[in-house]
Amino acid sequence: MDFFGIGLGEVLLILVVALIVWGPKRLPEIARTMGKTIRALRKATYDITSQVTRELDIQEKETKEKDHPSQPEKDISHKPKTG
């Protein structure tokens, strides 16, 4: 098992040390706080990635329109010619 680039033995050692340092009452609170922090960090990362992607798509679209301007639309209304 590879968890964040460390093996199972190392994860267990970290958990035992954390249990000794903070105790069994404080450990669930710390884990909950870490989980919330990681979730917020992932959401922020996703939001930033989405915004950058949207901006790049808009910029690419504007560049394409600038390089290849669309032809003006023809007037398709049927007005009788007065002569």
N, C-alpha and C. Protein backbone atom coordinates (compact mmCIF):
# COMPACT_ATOMS: atom_id res chain seq x y z
N MET A 1 0.85 -1.18 0.00
CA MET A 1 0.00 0.00 0.00
C MET A 1 0.89 1.24 0.00
N ASP A 2 0.61 2.15 -0.89
CA ASP A 2 1.39 3.38 -1.00
C ASP A 2 0.47 4.57 -0.71
N PHE A 3 0.68 5.22 0.40
CA PHE A 3 -0.19 6.31 0.85
C PHE A 3 0.63 7.59 0.90
N PHE A 4 0.38 8.50 -0.06
CA PHE A 4 1.14 9.76 -0.19
C PHE A 4 2.64 9.50 -0.32
N GLY A 5 2.99 8.44 -0.99
CA GLY A 5 4.40 8.15 -1.24
C GLY A 5 5.12 7.48 -0.07
N ILE A 6 4.36 7.09 0.97
CA ILE A 6 4.99 6.38 2.09
C ILE A 6 4.27 5.05 2.28
N GLY A 7 4.97 4.11 2.85
CA GLY A 7 4.42 2.76 3.01
C GLY A 7 3.53 2.63 4.22
N LEU A 8 2.94 1.44 4.38
CA LEU A 8 2.01 1.16 5.46
C LEU A 8 2.69 1.27 6.83
N GLY A 9 3.90 0.77 6.94
CA GLY A 9 4.63 0.85 8.21
C GLY A 9 4.85 2.28 8.67
N GLU A 10 5.20 3.15 7.73
CA GLU A 10 5.43 4.55 8.07
C GLU A 10 4.13 5.24 8.48
N VAL A 11 3.03 4.92 7.79
CA VAL A 11 1.73 5.51 8.14
C VAL A 11 1.34 5.10 9.56
N LEU A 12 1.51 3.81 9.87
CA LEU A 12 1.20 3.34 11.22
C LEU A 12 2.08 4.02 12.27
N LEU A 13 3.35 4.20 11.98
CA LEU A 13 4.25 4.87 12.91
C LEU A 13 3.80 6.31 13.16
N ILE A 14 3.42 7.01 12.11
CA ILE A 14 2.94 8.39 12.24
C ILE A 14 1.67 8.43 13.09
N LEU A 15 0.75 7.49 12.85
CA LEU A 15 -0.49 7.44 13.64
C LEU A 15 -0.22 7.16 15.12
N VAL A 16 0.70 6.26 15.40
CA VAL A 16 1.04 5.95 16.80
C VAL A 16 1.67 7.16 17.48
N VAL A 17 2.58 7.84 16.80
CA VAL A 17 3.21 9.04 17.38
C VAL A 17 2.16 10.12 17.61
N ALA A 18 1.25 10.31 16.65
CA ALA A 18 0.19 11.31 16.81
C ALA A 18 -0.71 10.94 17.99
N LEU A 19 -1.01 9.67 18.16
CA LEU A 19 -1.83 9.23 19.27
C LEU A 19 -1.14 9.50 20.61
N ILE A 20 0.16 9.29 20.65
CA ILE A 20 0.92 9.54 21.88
C ILE A 20 1.00 11.04 22.17
N VAL A 21 1.24 11.84 21.14
CA VAL A 21 1.42 13.28 21.33
C VAL A 21 0.11 13.97 21.70
N TRP A 22 -0.96 13.69 20.96
CA TRP A 22 -2.21 14.42 21.17
C TRP A 22 -3.24 13.65 21.98
N GLY A 23 -3.12 12.38 22.09
CA GLY A 23 -4.06 11.58 22.87
C GLY A 23 -5.29 11.19 22.07
N PRO A 24 -6.02 10.20 22.62
CA PRO A 24 -7.17 9.66 21.88
C PRO A 24 -8.36 10.63 21.80
N LYS A 25 -8.48 11.56 22.71
CA LYS A 25 -9.61 12.48 22.67
C LYS A 25 -9.43 13.56 21.62
N ARG A 26 -8.22 13.97 21.41
CA ARG A 26 -7.93 15.08 20.49
C ARG A 26 -7.72 14.62 19.05
N LEU A 27 -7.35 13.37 18.86
CA LEU A 27 -7.01 12.85 17.53
C LEU A 27 -8.18 12.93 16.53
N PRO A 28 -9.42 12.56 16.89
CA PRO A 28 -10.52 12.69 15.93
C PRO A 28 -10.78 14.15 15.52
N GLU A 29 -10.64 15.06 16.45
CA GLU A 29 -10.81 16.49 16.14
C GLU A 29 -9.76 16.97 15.16
N ILE A 30 -8.54 16.55 15.37
CA ILE A 30 -7.44 16.93 14.47
C ILE A 30 -7.66 16.33 13.07
N ALA A 31 -8.09 15.07 13.02
CA ALA A 31 -8.34 14.42 11.73
C ALA A 31 -9.49 15.12 11.00
N ARG A 32 -10.53 15.51 11.72
CA ARG A 32 -11.67 16.21 11.11
C ARG A 32 -11.22 17.55 10.54
N THR A 33 -10.42 18.27 11.31
CA THR A 33 -9.92 19.57 10.85
C THR A 33 -9.04 19.41 9.62
N MET A 34 -8.19 18.38 9.61
CA MET A 34 -7.35 18.13 8.45
C MET A 34 -8.20 17.78 7.23
N GLY A 35 -9.25 16.99 7.43
CA GLY A 35 -10.14 16.62 6.33
C GLY A 35 -10.83 17.84 5.74
N LYS A 36 -11.33 18.72 6.61
CA LYS A 36 -11.98 19.95 6.14
C LYS A 36 -11.00 20.84 5.39
N THR A 37 -9.78 20.92 5.89
CA THR A 37 -8.77 21.75 5.24
C THR A 37 -8.42 21.20 3.86
N ILE A 38 -8.25 19.89 3.77
CA ILE A 38 -7.94 19.27 2.48
C ILE A 38 -9.09 19.45 1.50
N ARG A 39 -10.34 19.31 1.98
CA ARG A 39 -11.51 19.51 1.12
C ARG A 39 -11.56 20.94 0.60
N ALA A 40 -11.31 21.92 1.48
CA ALA A 40 -11.32 23.32 1.05
C ALA A 40 -10.21 23.60 0.05
N LEU A 41 -9.05 23.00 0.26
CA LEU A 41 -7.93 23.18 -0.65
C LEU A 41 -8.23 22.58 -2.03
N ARG A 42 -8.85 21.41 -2.05
CA ARG A 42 -9.23 20.80 -3.32
C ARG A 42 -10.26 21.64 -4.06
N LYS A 43 -11.24 22.18 -3.32
CA LYS A 43 -12.26 23.02 -3.95
C LYS A 43 -11.64 24.28 -4.53
N ALA A 44 -10.73 24.90 -3.78
CA ALA A 44 -10.08 26.11 -4.27
C ALA A 44 -9.25 25.80 -5.52
N THR A 45 -8.55 24.69 -5.50
CA THR A 45 -7.75 24.29 -6.65
C THR A 45 -8.64 24.04 -7.86
N TYR A 46 -9.78 23.38 -7.66
CA TYR A 46 -10.72 23.12 -8.76
C TYR A 46 -11.27 24.44 -9.31
N ASP A 47 -11.64 25.36 -8.40
CA ASP A 47 -12.19 26.66 -8.84
C ASP A 47 -11.17 27.44 -9.66
N ILE A 48 -9.93 27.45 -9.21
CA ILE A 48 -8.88 28.18 -9.93
C ILE A 48 -8.65 27.54 -11.30
N THR A 49 -8.58 26.21 -11.33
CA THR A 49 -8.38 25.51 -12.59
C THR A 49 -9.52 25.79 -13.57
N SER A 50 -10.75 25.76 -13.07
CA SER A 50 -11.91 26.04 -13.93
C SER A 50 -11.85 27.46 -14.48
N GLN A 51 -11.52 28.42 -13.63
CA GLN A 51 -11.46 29.82 -14.06
C GLN A 51 -10.37 30.02 -15.12
N VAL A 52 -9.21 29.44 -14.91
CA VAL A 52 -8.13 29.57 -15.88
C VAL A 52 -8.52 28.92 -17.20
N THR A 53 -9.15 27.76 -17.14
CA THR A 53 -9.59 27.07 -18.35
C THR A 53 -10.60 27.91 -19.11
N ARG A 54 -11.58 28.49 -18.40
CA ARG A 54 -12.57 29.34 -19.05
C ARG A 54 -11.92 30.54 -19.72
N GLU A 55 -10.99 31.19 -19.01
CA GLU A 55 -10.31 32.36 -19.56
C GLU A 55 -9.51 31.99 -20.81
N LEU A 56 -8.83 30.85 -20.77
CA LEU A 56 -8.05 30.42 -21.93
C LEU A 56 -8.96 30.10 -23.11
N ASP A 57 -10.12 29.48 -22.85
CA ASP A 57 -11.07 29.20 -23.92
C ASP A 57 -11.58 30.49 -24.56
N ILE A 58 -11.89 31.47 -23.73
CA ILE A 58 -12.37 32.76 -24.24
C ILE A 58 -11.29 33.43 -25.07
N GLN A 59 -10.07 33.42 -24.57
CA GLN A 59 -8.96 34.04 -25.28
C GLN A 59 -8.71 33.33 -26.62
N GLU A 60 -8.78 32.01 -26.62
CA GLU A 60 -8.58 31.25 -27.85
C GLU A 60 -9.68 31.57 -28.86
N LYS A 61 -10.90 31.67 -28.40
CA LYS A 61 -12.02 31.99 -29.28
C LYS A 61 -11.84 33.39 -29.88
N GLU A 62 -11.44 34.35 -29.06
CA GLU A 62 -11.21 35.71 -29.55
C GLU A 62 -10.07 35.74 -30.57
N THR A 63 -9.02 34.97 -30.33
CA THR A 63 -7.90 34.91 -31.26
C THR A 63 -8.32 34.32 -32.59
N LYS A 64 -9.13 33.27 -32.55
CA LYS A 64 -9.61 32.66 -33.79
C LYS A 64 -10.49 33.63 -34.56
N GLU A 65 -11.36 34.35 -33.86
CA GLU A 65 -12.23 35.32 -34.53
C GLU A 65 -11.43 36.47 -35.12
N LYS A 66 -10.36 36.85 -34.44
CA LYS A 66 -9.51 37.93 -34.92
C LYS A 66 -8.74 37.50 -36.17
N ASP A 67 -8.24 36.27 -36.16
CA ASP A 67 -7.48 35.75 -37.30
C ASP A 67 -8.37 35.43 -38.49
N HIS A 68 -9.56 34.94 -38.24
CA HIS A 68 -10.49 34.55 -39.30
C HIS A 68 -11.83 35.24 -39.05
N PRO A 69 -11.94 36.49 -39.43
CA PRO A 69 -13.22 37.18 -39.18
C PRO A 69 -14.33 36.53 -39.99
N SER A 70 -15.47 36.44 -39.37
CA SER A 70 -16.60 35.83 -40.07
C SER A 70 -17.12 36.79 -41.12
N GLN A 71 -17.69 36.23 -42.16
CA GLN A 71 -18.21 37.06 -43.23
C GLN A 71 -19.48 37.74 -42.74
N PRO A 72 -19.71 38.97 -43.20
CA PRO A 72 -20.91 39.66 -42.74
C PRO A 72 -22.15 38.90 -43.19
N GLU A 73 -23.16 38.91 -42.33
CA GLU A 73 -24.39 38.19 -42.65
C GLU A 73 -25.14 38.92 -43.75
N LYS A 74 -25.73 38.14 -44.65
CA LYS A 74 -26.51 38.71 -45.74
C LYS A 74 -27.88 39.08 -45.21
N ASP A 75 -28.43 40.13 -45.79
CA ASP A 75 -29.77 40.54 -45.40
C ASP A 75 -30.75 39.61 -46.09
N ILE A 76 -31.41 38.78 -45.31
CA ILE A 76 -32.31 37.79 -45.90
C ILE A 76 -33.76 38.24 -45.85
N SER A 77 -34.00 39.46 -45.42
CA SER A 77 -35.38 39.93 -45.39
C SER A 77 -35.85 40.17 -46.83
N HIS A 78 -37.06 39.87 -47.08
CA HIS A 78 -37.63 39.99 -48.43
C HIS A 78 -38.42 41.29 -48.53
N LYS A 79 -37.74 42.33 -48.90
CA LYS A 79 -38.39 43.62 -49.10
C LYS A 79 -38.62 43.80 -50.58
N PRO A 80 -39.80 44.22 -50.95
CA PRO A 80 -40.04 44.44 -52.38
C PRO A 80 -39.20 45.61 -52.87
N LYS A 81 -38.63 45.42 -54.03
CA LYS A 81 -37.82 46.49 -54.62
C LYS A 81 -38.74 47.55 -55.20
N THR A 82 -38.44 48.75 -54.84
CA THR A 82 -39.22 49.86 -55.42
C THR A 82 -38.36 50.49 -56.50
N GLY A 83 -38.97 50.78 -57.54
CA GLY A 83 -38.19 51.12 -58.64
C GLY A 83 -38.31 52.35 -59.31
